Amino acid sequence: MQRSTVGSLLRSTQAFCGQLCEKETLEYGIAFYCPRYPDLVEANQFREVMMPNSAPLARAFEQCEAWFAERNLRCRRWAPAGGTAAPELRGFLLEHGFQTREWTALAAVRWVDLRAGGDVRILPARALRAAYRDTFLQATSPASEHERVVLADAYAERLDDPPFDMFVALCEGRPAGRCALYQVGDIARVMDLTVLDAFEGRGVETTLLAHVLALAKRLAMRNICAQVESGEAHQLAWFTAAGFEPDGAISEFERPKQ
């Protein structure tokens, strides 16, 4: 049976968590955790959350909180199974200080002849680790320098996972952006498409997408997907121009750092 785009994204996200995290199945979901990165949202989360109608939300919440606290950690994200939360779960988490994050699921439905920027070079991040790190450190988001350093450290670890093919864009010899193609079984997911502010309008995003999609084509990957956070109109436009179309939505709940 063909997997939905949302299903492909959720499956690949679990594998993505596994790059850094240990995991343990709890009564109502799976806890992913990483003591090396206690403040990193994606490294400390409760996923595949299933709430039977008879299950009290307070009990599930208390179990999750206690489990992370026993490890001197704090759960930063809840991700409902199937990508959609029941209204009761949504309301409960919002009342407990979580914020909704929503993504548009995207499926590649056609091959597009993307015109790469003439002055943009794309190289493997594994061979350019310093330049790859700079794409995090020179970014304007997250706003905190400490958070950017933590992300750079965590993503440097991800490079050790062979199916995670990350690329760095160089423009005028300087790091200009990054993008990955992550292979999970028959899924090819385009991830972390990022362009530094100083290089907006130079065709960096098109060149990165042309490169990773050409790789997906060479690998004969039929299930090519991505996700864009709701409200990111410019990123949605980049993917639409590259042959992707919206195909579902994903909602998760994130707890702000205290």
C-alpha atoms as a PDB file:
ATOM      1  CA  MET A   1       0.000   0.000   0.000  1.00  0.00           C
ATOM      2  CA  GLN A   2       1.330   3.426  -0.921  1.00  0.00           C
ATOM      3  CA  ARG A   3       2.353   5.546   2.045  1.00  0.00           C
ATOM      4  CA  SER A   4       0.937   9.056   2.404  1.00  0.00           C
ATOM      5  CA  THR A   5       3.223  12.067   2.275  1.00  0.00           C
ATOM      6  CA  VAL A   6       2.472  12.832   5.916  1.00  0.00           C
ATOM      7  CA  GLY A   7       3.263   9.212   6.805  1.00  0.00           C
ATOM      8  CA  SER A   8       6.575   9.426   4.952  1.00  0.00           C
ATOM      9  CA  LEU A   9       7.510  12.609   6.761  1.00  0.00           C
ATOM     10  CA  LEU A  10       6.648  11.170  10.162  1.00  0.00           C
ATOM     11  CA  ARG A  11       8.610   8.003   9.474  1.00  0.00           C
ATOM     12  CA  SER A  12      11.654   9.974   8.348  1.00  0.00           C
ATOM     13  CA  THR A  13      11.362  12.279  11.370  1.00  0.00           C
ATOM     14  CA  GLN A  14      11.584   9.300  13.695  1.00  0.00           C
ATOM     15  CA  ALA A  15      14.727   8.148  11.904  1.00  0.00           C
ATOM     16  CA  PHE A  16      16.067  11.697  12.068  1.00  0.00           C
ATOM     17  CA  CYS A  17      15.520  11.718  15.849  1.00  0.00           C
ATOM     18  CA  GLY A  18      17.400   8.438  16.055  1.00  0.00           C
ATOM     19  CA  GLN A  19      20.544  10.052  14.674  1.00  0.00           C
ATOM     20  CA  LEU A  20      21.104  11.823  18.001  1.00  0.00           C
ATOM     21  CA  CYS A  21      18.656  10.316  20.457  1.00  0.00           C
ATOM     22  CA  GLU A  22      18.041   7.243  22.500  1.00  0.00           C
ATOM     23  CA  LYS A  23      14.408   6.241  22.758  1.00  0.00           C
ATOM     24  CA  GLU A  24      12.037   4.435  25.057  1.00  0.00           C
ATOM     25  CA  THR A  25       8.427   3.480  24.507  1.00  0.00           C
ATOM     26  CA  LEU A  26       6.119   4.805  27.203  1.00  0.00           C
ATOM     27  CA  GLU A  27       2.438   4.072  27.758  1.00  0.00           C
ATOM     28  CA  TYR A  28       1.160   6.784  25.419  1.00  0.00           C
ATOM     29  CA  GLY A  29       4.040   7.400  23.013  1.00  0.00           C
ATOM     30  CA  ILE A  30       7.790   7.226  22.394  1.00  0.00           C
ATOM     31  CA  ALA A  31      10.271   9.372  24.322  1.00  0.00           C
ATOM     32  CA  PHE A  32      13.306  10.499  22.328  1.00  0.00           C
ATOM     33  CA  TYR A  33      16.034  12.001  24.460  1.00  0.00           C
ATOM     34  CA  CYS A  34      19.655  13.111  24.277  1.00  0.00           C
ATOM     35  CA  PRO A  35      21.519  14.135  27.454  1.00  0.00           C
ATOM     36  CA  ARG A  36      24.283  15.695  25.336  1.00  0.00           C
ATOM     37  CA  TYR A  37      21.821  18.330  24.106  1.00  0.00           C
ATOM     38  CA  PRO A  38      19.410  19.009  26.978  1.00  0.00           C
ATOM     39  CA  ASP A  39      18.225  22.325  25.518  1.00  0.00           C
ATOM     40  CA  LEU A  40      17.727  21.155  21.937  1.00  0.00           C
ATOM     41  CA  VAL A  41      14.036  20.827  21.094  1.00  0.00           C
ATOM     42  CA  GLU A  42      14.411  18.111  18.493  1.00  0.00           C
ATOM     43  CA  ALA A  43      16.565  16.017  20.850  1.00  0.00           C
ATOM     44  CA  ASN A  44      14.044  15.831  23.694  1.00  0.00           C
ATOM     45  CA  GLN A  45      10.522  15.076  22.585  1.00  0.00           C
ATOM     46  CA  PHE A  46       7.521  12.786  22.968  1.00  0.00           C
ATOM     47  CA  ARG A  47       6.437  11.369  19.610  1.00  0.00           C
ATOM     48  CA  GLU A  48       3.763   9.059  18.207  1.00  0.00           C
ATOM     49  CA  VAL A  49       1.495  10.179  21.029  1.00  0.00           C
ATOM     50  CA  MET A  50      -1.746   8.204  21.046  1.00  0.00           C
ATOM     51  CA  MET A  51      -4.516   9.116  23.453  1.00  0.00           C
ATOM     52  CA  PRO A  52      -7.354   6.579  23.674  1.00  0.00           C
ATOM     53  CA  ASN A  53     -10.656   8.232  24.443  1.00  0.00           C
ATOM     54  CA  SER A  54     -10.625   6.784  27.948  1.00  0.00           C
ATOM     55  CA  ALA A  55      -7.078   7.952  28.753  1.00  0.00           C
ATOM     56  CA  PRO A  56      -6.856  11.000  31.027  1.00  0.00           C
ATOM     57  CA  LEU A  57      -4.608  13.646  29.535  1.00  0.00           C
ATOM     58  CA  ALA A  58      -3.289  14.665  32.935  1.00  0.00           C
ATOM     59  CA  ARG A  59      -1.991  11.148  33.554  1.00  0.00           C
ATOM     60  CA  ALA A  60      -0.160  10.985  30.224  1.00  0.00           C
ATOM     61  CA  PHE A  61       1.330  14.427  30.798  1.00  0.00           C
ATOM     62  CA  GLU A  62       2.497  13.615  34.330  1.00  0.00           C
ATOM     63  CA  GLN A  63       4.087  10.362  33.180  1.00  0.00           C
ATOM     64  CA  CYS A  64       5.963  12.121  30.401  1.00  0.00           C
ATOM     65  CA  GLU A  65       7.118  14.947  32.680  1.00  0.00           C
ATOM     66  CA  ALA A  66       8.294  12.518  35.364  1.00  0.00           C
ATOM     67  CA  TRP A  67      10.127  10.310  32.856  1.00  0.00           C
ATOM     68  CA  PHE A  68      12.169  13.210  31.469  1.00  0.00           C
ATOM     69  CA  ALA A  69      12.735  14.716  34.935  1.00  0.00           C
ATOM     70  CA  GLU A  70      14.239  11.432  36.144  1.00  0.00           C
ATOM     71  CA  ARG A  71      16.927  11.962  33.501  1.00  0.00           C
ATOM     72  CA  ASN A  72      17.419  15.641  34.360  1.00  0.00           C
ATOM     73  CA  LEU A  73      15.797  16.587  31.062  1.00  0.00           C
ATOM     74  CA  ARG A  74      12.717  18.484  29.968  1.00  0.00           C
ATOM     75  CA  CYS A  75      10.359  17.385  27.220  1.00  0.00           C
ATOM     76  CA  ARG A  76      10.279  20.181  24.671  1.00  0.00           C
ATOM     77  CA  ARG A  77       7.907  18.806  22.030  1.00  0.00           C
ATOM     78  CA  TRP A  78       4.814  16.598  21.733  1.00  0.00           C
ATOM     79  CA  ALA A  79       4.093  15.057  18.324  1.00  0.00           C
ATOM     80  CA  PRO A  80       0.729  13.283  17.890  1.00  0.00           C
ATOM     81  CA  ALA A  81       0.589  10.028  15.946  1.00  0.00           C
ATOM     82  CA  GLY A  82      -0.621  10.634  12.419  1.00  0.00           C
ATOM     83  CA  GLY A  83       0.411  14.280  12.540  1.00  0.00           C
ATOM     84  CA  THR A  84      -2.946  15.559  13.812  1.00  0.00           C
ATOM     85  CA  ALA A  85      -3.956  16.202  17.421  1.00  0.00           C
ATOM     86  CA  ALA A  86      -7.413  15.702  18.857  1.00  0.00           C
ATOM     87  CA  PRO A  87      -8.946  18.989  20.017  1.00  0.00           C
ATOM     88  CA  GLU A  88      -8.714  17.846  23.637  1.00  0.00           C
ATOM     89  CA  LEU A  89      -4.970  17.216  23.392  1.00  0.00           C
ATOM     90  CA  ARG A  90      -4.388  20.508  21.592  1.00  0.00           C
ATOM     91  CA  GLY A  91      -6.288  22.467  24.225  1.00  0.00           C
ATOM     92  CA  PHE A  92      -4.571  20.659  27.100  1.00  0.00           C
ATOM     93  CA  LEU A  93      -1.061  21.306  25.800  1.00  0.00           C
ATOM     94  CA  LEU A  94      -1.764  24.955  25.048  1.00  0.00           C
ATOM     95  CA  GLU A  95      -3.009  25.370  28.609  1.00  0.00           C
ATOM     96  CA  HIS A  96       0.272  23.889  29.846  1.00  0.00           C
ATOM     97  CA  GLY A  97       2.508  26.358  28.053  1.00  0.00           C
ATOM     98  CA  PHE A  98       3.077  24.636  24.722  1.00  0.00           C
ATOM     99  CA  GLN A  99       2.759  26.436  21.397  1.00  0.00           C
ATOM    100  CA  THR A 100       1.428  24.990  18.162  1.00  0.00           C
ATOM    101  CA  ARG A 101       3.810  24.480  15.258  1.00  0.00           C
ATOM    102  CA  GLU A 102       2.298  23.553  11.934  1.00  0.00           C
ATOM    103  CA  TRP A 103       3.893  22.358   8.732  1.00  0.00           C
ATOM    104  CA  THR A 104       2.685  21.845   5.180  1.00  0.00           C
ATOM    105  CA  ALA A 105       3.582  18.411   3.814  1.00  0.00           C
ATOM    106  CA  LEU A 106       4.971  18.559   0.282  1.00  0.00           C
ATOM    107  CA  ALA A 107       5.275  15.843  -2.348  1.00  0.00           C
ATOM    108  CA  ALA A 108       7.369  16.048  -5.509  1.00  0.00           C
ATOM    109  CA  VAL A 109       4.932  15.476  -8.346  1.00  0.00           C
ATOM    110  CA  ARG A 110       6.977  16.462 -11.396  1.00  0.00           C
ATOM    111  CA  TRP A 111      10.570  16.961 -12.501  1.00  0.00           C
ATOM    112  CA  VAL A 112      11.443  20.579 -13.206  1.00  0.00           C
ATOM    113  CA  ASP A 113      14.471  21.795 -15.137  1.00  0.00           C
ATOM    114  CA  LEU A 114      15.906  24.071 -12.452  1.00  0.00           C
ATOM    115  CA  ARG A 115      18.433  26.654 -13.571  1.00  0.00           C
ATOM    116  CA  ALA A 116      21.357  26.656 -11.167  1.00  0.00           C
ATOM    117  CA  GLY A 117      23.081  29.904 -10.264  1.00  0.00           C
ATOM    118  CA  GLY A 118      26.272  30.350 -12.255  1.00  0.00           C
ATOM    119  CA  ASP A 119      28.343  31.593  -9.320  1.00  0.00           C
ATOM    120  CA  VAL A 120      27.047  29.047  -6.788  1.00  0.00           C
ATOM    121  CA  ARG A 121      28.992  25.848  -6.077  1.00  0.00           C
ATOM    122  CA  ILE A 122      27.520  22.866  -4.243  1.00  0.00           C
ATOM    123  CA  LEU A 123      29.845  20.572  -2.309  1.00  0.00           C
ATOM    124  CA  PRO A 124      29.375  17.763   0.257  1.00  0.00           C
ATOM    125  CA  ALA A 125      29.232  19.036   3.825  1.00  0.00           C
ATOM    126  CA  ARG A 126      31.401  16.150   5.034  1.00  0.00           C
ATOM    127  CA  ALA A 127      34.287  17.624   3.050  1.00  0.00           C
ATOM    128  CA  LEU A 128      33.583  21.197   4.178  1.00  0.00           C
ATOM    129  CA  ARG A 129      32.820  20.882   7.861  1.00  0.00           C
ATOM    130  CA  ALA A 130      34.037  24.368   8.765  1.00  0.00           C
ATOM    131  CA  ALA A 131      31.954  25.983   6.022  1.00  0.00           C
ATOM    132  CA  TYR A 132      28.975  23.842   7.038  1.00  0.00           C
ATOM    133  CA  ARG A 133      29.321  25.012  10.618  1.00  0.00           C
ATOM    134  CA  ASP A 134      29.408  28.613   9.430  1.00  0.00           C
ATOM    135  CA  THR A 135      25.974  28.213   7.835  1.00  0.00           C
ATOM    136  CA  PHE A 136      24.655  27.865  11.390  1.00  0.00           C
ATOM    137  CA  LEU A 137      26.860  30.402  13.125  1.00  0.00           C
ATOM    138  CA  GLN A 138      26.230  33.138  10.540  1.00  0.00           C
ATOM    139  CA  ALA A 139      22.458  32.640  10.465  1.00  0.00           C
ATOM    140  CA  THR A 140      20.094  35.140  12.056  1.00  0.00           C
ATOM    141  CA  SER A 141      17.883  32.417  13.523  1.00  0.00           C
ATOM    142  CA  PRO A 142      17.943  31.228  16.235  1.00  0.00           C
ATOM    143  CA  ALA A 143      18.670  34.636  17.696  1.00  0.00           C
ATOM    144  CA  SER A 144      20.878  33.311  20.495  1.00  0.00           C
ATOM    145  CA  GLU A 145      24.514  32.618  19.664  1.00  0.00           C
ATOM    146  CA  HIS A 146      24.492  29.715  22.141  1.00  0.00           C
ATOM    147  CA  GLU A 147      21.537  28.098  20.351  1.00  0.00           C
ATOM    148  CA  ARG A 148      23.298  28.439  17.004  1.00  0.00           C
ATOM    149  CA  VAL A 149      26.408  26.759  18.419  1.00  0.00           C
ATOM    150  CA  VAL A 150      24.321  23.895  19.842  1.00  0.00           C
ATOM    151  CA  LEU A 151      22.626  23.376  16.478  1.00  0.00           C
ATOM    152  CA  ALA A 152      25.981  23.429  14.683  1.00  0.00           C
ATOM    153  CA  ASP A 153      27.371  20.803  17.068  1.00  0.00           C
ATOM    154  CA  ALA A 154      24.306  18.580  16.774  1.00  0.00           C
ATOM    155  CA  TYR A 155      24.146  18.745  13.000  1.00  0.00           C
ATOM    156  CA  ALA A 156      27.859  17.991  12.762  1.00  0.00           C
ATOM    157  CA  GLU A 157      27.049  14.676  14.453  1.00  0.00           C
ATOM    158  CA  ARG A 158      24.318  14.015  11.909  1.00  0.00           C
ATOM    159  CA  LEU A 159      26.923  13.983   9.141  1.00  0.00           C
ATOM    160  CA  ASP A 160      28.101  10.614  10.478  1.00  0.00           C
ATOM    161  CA  ASP A 161      24.849   9.007   9.290  1.00  0.00           C
ATOM    162  CA  PRO A 162      25.519   7.770   5.702  1.00  0.00           C
ATOM    163  CA  PRO A 163      21.913   8.185   4.419  1.00  0.00           C
ATOM    164  CA  PHE A 164      22.010  11.865   5.434  1.00  0.00           C
ATOM    165  CA  ASP A 165      23.587  13.603   2.423  1.00  0.00           C
ATOM    166  CA  MET A 166      24.092  17.241   3.371  1.00  0.00           C
ATOM    167  CA  PHE A 167      25.459  19.820   0.944  1.00  0.00           C
ATOM    168  CA  VAL A 168      26.891  23.297   1.379  1.00  0.00           C
ATOM    169  CA  ALA A 169      26.434  26.109  -1.130  1.00  0.00           C
ATOM    170  CA  LEU A 170      29.404  28.397  -1.693  1.00  0.00           C
ATOM    171  CA  CYS A 171      29.001  31.791  -3.315  1.00  0.00           C
ATOM    172  CA  GLU A 172      32.080  33.929  -3.945  1.00  0.00           C
ATOM    173  CA  GLY A 173      33.951  31.314  -1.936  1.00  0.00           C
ATOM    174  CA  ARG A 174      31.829  31.918   1.168  1.00  0.00           C
ATOM    175  CA  PRO A 175      29.218  29.663   2.800  1.00  0.00           C
ATOM    176  CA  ALA A 176      25.823  30.734   1.481  1.00  0.00           C
ATOM    177  CA  GLY A 177      23.423  27.951   2.448  1.00  0.00           C
ATOM    178  CA  ARG A 178      22.836  24.255   2.962  1.00  0.00           C
ATOM    179  CA  CYS A 179      20.378  21.475   2.098  1.00  0.00           C
ATOM    180  CA  ALA A 180      20.167  17.731   2.673  1.00  0.00           C
ATOM    181  CA  LEU A 181      18.670  14.693   1.003  1.00  0.00           C
ATOM    182  CA  TYR A 182      17.820  12.142   3.678  1.00  0.00           C
ATOM    183  CA  GLN A 183      17.102   8.580   2.566  1.00  0.00           C
ATOM    184  CA  VAL A 184      14.930   6.409   4.801  1.00  0.00           C
ATOM    185  CA  GLY A 185      13.989   3.207   3.017  1.00  0.00           C
ATOM    186  CA  ASP A 186      12.071   4.252  -0.094  1.00  0.00           C
ATOM    187  CA  ILE A 187      11.716   7.832   1.185  1.00  0.00           C
ATOM    188  CA  ALA A 188      13.901  10.673  -0.059  1.00  0.00           C
ATOM    189  CA  ARG A 189      13.270  13.718   2.081  1.00  0.00           C
ATOM    190  CA  VAL A 190      14.628  17.159   1.230  1.00  0.00           C
ATOM    191  CA  MET A 191      15.597  18.767   4.534  1.00  0.00           C
ATOM    192  CA  ASP A 192      16.995  21.934   6.072  1.00  0.00           C
ATOM    193  CA  LEU A 193      16.950  24.109   2.952  1.00  0.00           C
ATOM    194  CA  THR A 194      18.633  27.241   4.295  1.00  0.00           C
ATOM    195  CA  VAL A 195      19.984  30.370   2.607  1.00  0.00           C
ATOM    196  CA  LEU A 196      21.927  32.967   4.579  1.00  0.00           C
ATOM    197  CA  ASP A 197      20.450  36.455   4.440  1.00  0.00           C
ATOM    198  CA  ALA A 198      23.485  37.950   2.688  1.00  0.00           C
ATOM    199  CA  PHE A 199      22.922  35.671  -0.311  1.00  0.00           C
ATOM    200  CA  GLU A 200      19.177  35.996  -0.808  1.00  0.00           C
ATOM    201  CA  GLY A 201      18.263  36.575  -4.442  1.00  0.00           C
ATOM    202  CA  ARG A 202      21.410  34.897  -5.797  1.00  0.00           C
ATOM    203  CA  GLY A 203      19.733  31.631  -6.795  1.00  0.00           C
ATOM    204  CA  VAL A 204      21.258  29.684  -3.917  1.00  0.00           C
ATOM    205  CA  GLU A 205      18.028  27.883  -3.030  1.00  0.00           C
ATOM    206  CA  THR A 206      17.392  26.876  -6.649  1.00  0.00           C
ATOM    207  CA  THR A 207      20.927  25.552  -7.048  1.00  0.00           C
ATOM    208  CA  LEU A 208      20.690  23.537  -3.834  1.00  0.00           C
ATOM    209  CA  LEU A 209      17.329  22.065  -4.824  1.00  0.00           C
ATOM    210  CA  ALA A 210      18.593  21.254  -8.316  1.00  0.00           C
ATOM    211  CA  HIS A 211      21.499  19.371  -6.782  1.00  0.00           C
ATOM    212  CA  VAL A 212      19.606  17.291  -4.204  1.00  0.00           C
ATOM    213  CA  LEU A 213      16.759  16.495  -6.602  1.00  0.00           C
ATOM    214  CA  ALA A 214      19.252  15.381  -9.244  1.00  0.00           C
ATOM    215  CA  LEU A 215      20.689  13.025  -6.637  1.00  0.00           C
ATOM    216  CA  ALA A 216      17.205  11.701  -5.847  1.00  0.00           C
ATOM    217  CA  LYS A 217      16.628  11.125  -9.558  1.00  0.00           C
ATOM    218  CA  ARG A 218      19.925   9.255  -9.954  1.00  0.00           C
ATOM    219  CA  LEU A 219      18.966   7.058  -7.011  1.00  0.00           C
ATOM    220  CA  ALA A 220      15.565   6.393  -8.650  1.00  0.00           C
ATOM    221  CA  MET A 221      13.751   7.561  -5.520  1.00  0.00           C
ATOM    222  CA  ARG A 222      10.026   7.774  -6.272  1.00  0.00           C
ATOM    223  CA  ASN A 223       8.831   8.968  -2.880  1.00  0.00           C
ATOM    224  CA  ILE A 224      10.328  12.459  -2.584  1.00  0.00           C
ATOM    225  CA  CYS A 225       8.928  14.738   0.095  1.00  0.00           C
ATOM    226  CA  ALA A 226       9.606  17.797   2.225  1.00  0.00           C
ATOM    227  CA  GLN A 227       7.860  19.955   4.783  1.00  0.00           C
ATOM    228  CA  VAL A 228       7.655  23.721   5.196  1.00  0.00           C
ATOM    229  CA  GLU A 229       6.519  25.520   8.297  1.00  0.00           C
ATOM    230  CA  SER A 230       3.221  27.303   7.833  1.00  0.00           C
ATOM    231  CA  GLY A 231       3.745  30.980   7.159  1.00  0.00           C
ATOM    232  CA  GLU A 232       7.075  30.467   5.360  1.00  0.00           C
ATOM    233  CA  ALA A 233       5.716  31.663   2.029  1.00  0.00           C
ATOM    234  CA  HIS A 234       9.115  32.140   0.410  1.00  0.00           C
ATOM    235  CA  GLN A 235      10.187  28.554   1.202  1.00  0.00           C
ATOM    236  CA  LEU A 236       6.871  27.219  -0.056  1.00  0.00           C
ATOM    237  CA  ALA A 237       7.455  29.149  -3.278  1.00  0.00           C
ATOM    238  CA  TRP A 238      10.932  27.630  -3.638  1.00  0.00           C
ATOM    239  CA  PHE A 239       9.554  24.096  -3.400  1.00  0.00           C
ATOM    240  CA  THR A 240       6.556  24.772  -5.607  1.00  0.00           C
ATOM    241  CA  ALA A 241       8.856  26.077  -8.333  1.00  0.00           C
ATOM    242  CA  ALA A 242      10.885  22.866  -7.981  1.00  0.00           C
ATOM    243  CA  GLY A 243       7.897  20.586  -8.674  1.00  0.00           C
ATOM    244  CA  PHE A 244       6.424  20.012  -5.205  1.00  0.00           C
ATOM    245  CA  GLU A 245       2.766  20.354  -4.227  1.00  0.00           C
ATOM    246  CA  PRO A 246       1.071  20.504  -0.812  1.00  0.00           C
ATOM    247  CA  ASP A 247      -0.222  17.120   0.312  1.00  0.00           C
ATOM    248  CA  GLY A 248      -1.336  17.267   3.919  1.00  0.00           C
ATOM    249  CA  ALA A 249      -0.446  18.993   7.163  1.00  0.00           C
ATOM    250  CA  ILE A 250       1.403  18.174  10.386  1.00  0.00           C
ATOM    251  CA  SER A 251       0.793  19.735  13.800  1.00  0.00           C
ATOM    252  CA  GLU A 252       3.145  19.470  16.771  1.00  0.00           C
ATOM    253  CA  PHE A 253       3.432  21.273  20.092  1.00  0.00           C
ATOM    254  CA  GLU A 254       6.592  22.929  21.324  1.00  0.00           C
ATOM    255  CA  ARG A 255       7.459  24.205  24.762  1.00  0.00           C
ATOM    256  CA  PRO A 256       9.459  27.449  24.794  1.00  0.00           C
ATOM    257  CA  LYS A 257      12.778  27.423  26.588  1.00  0.00           C
ATOM    258  CA  GLN A 258      12.476  28.760  30.146  1.00  0.00           C
END
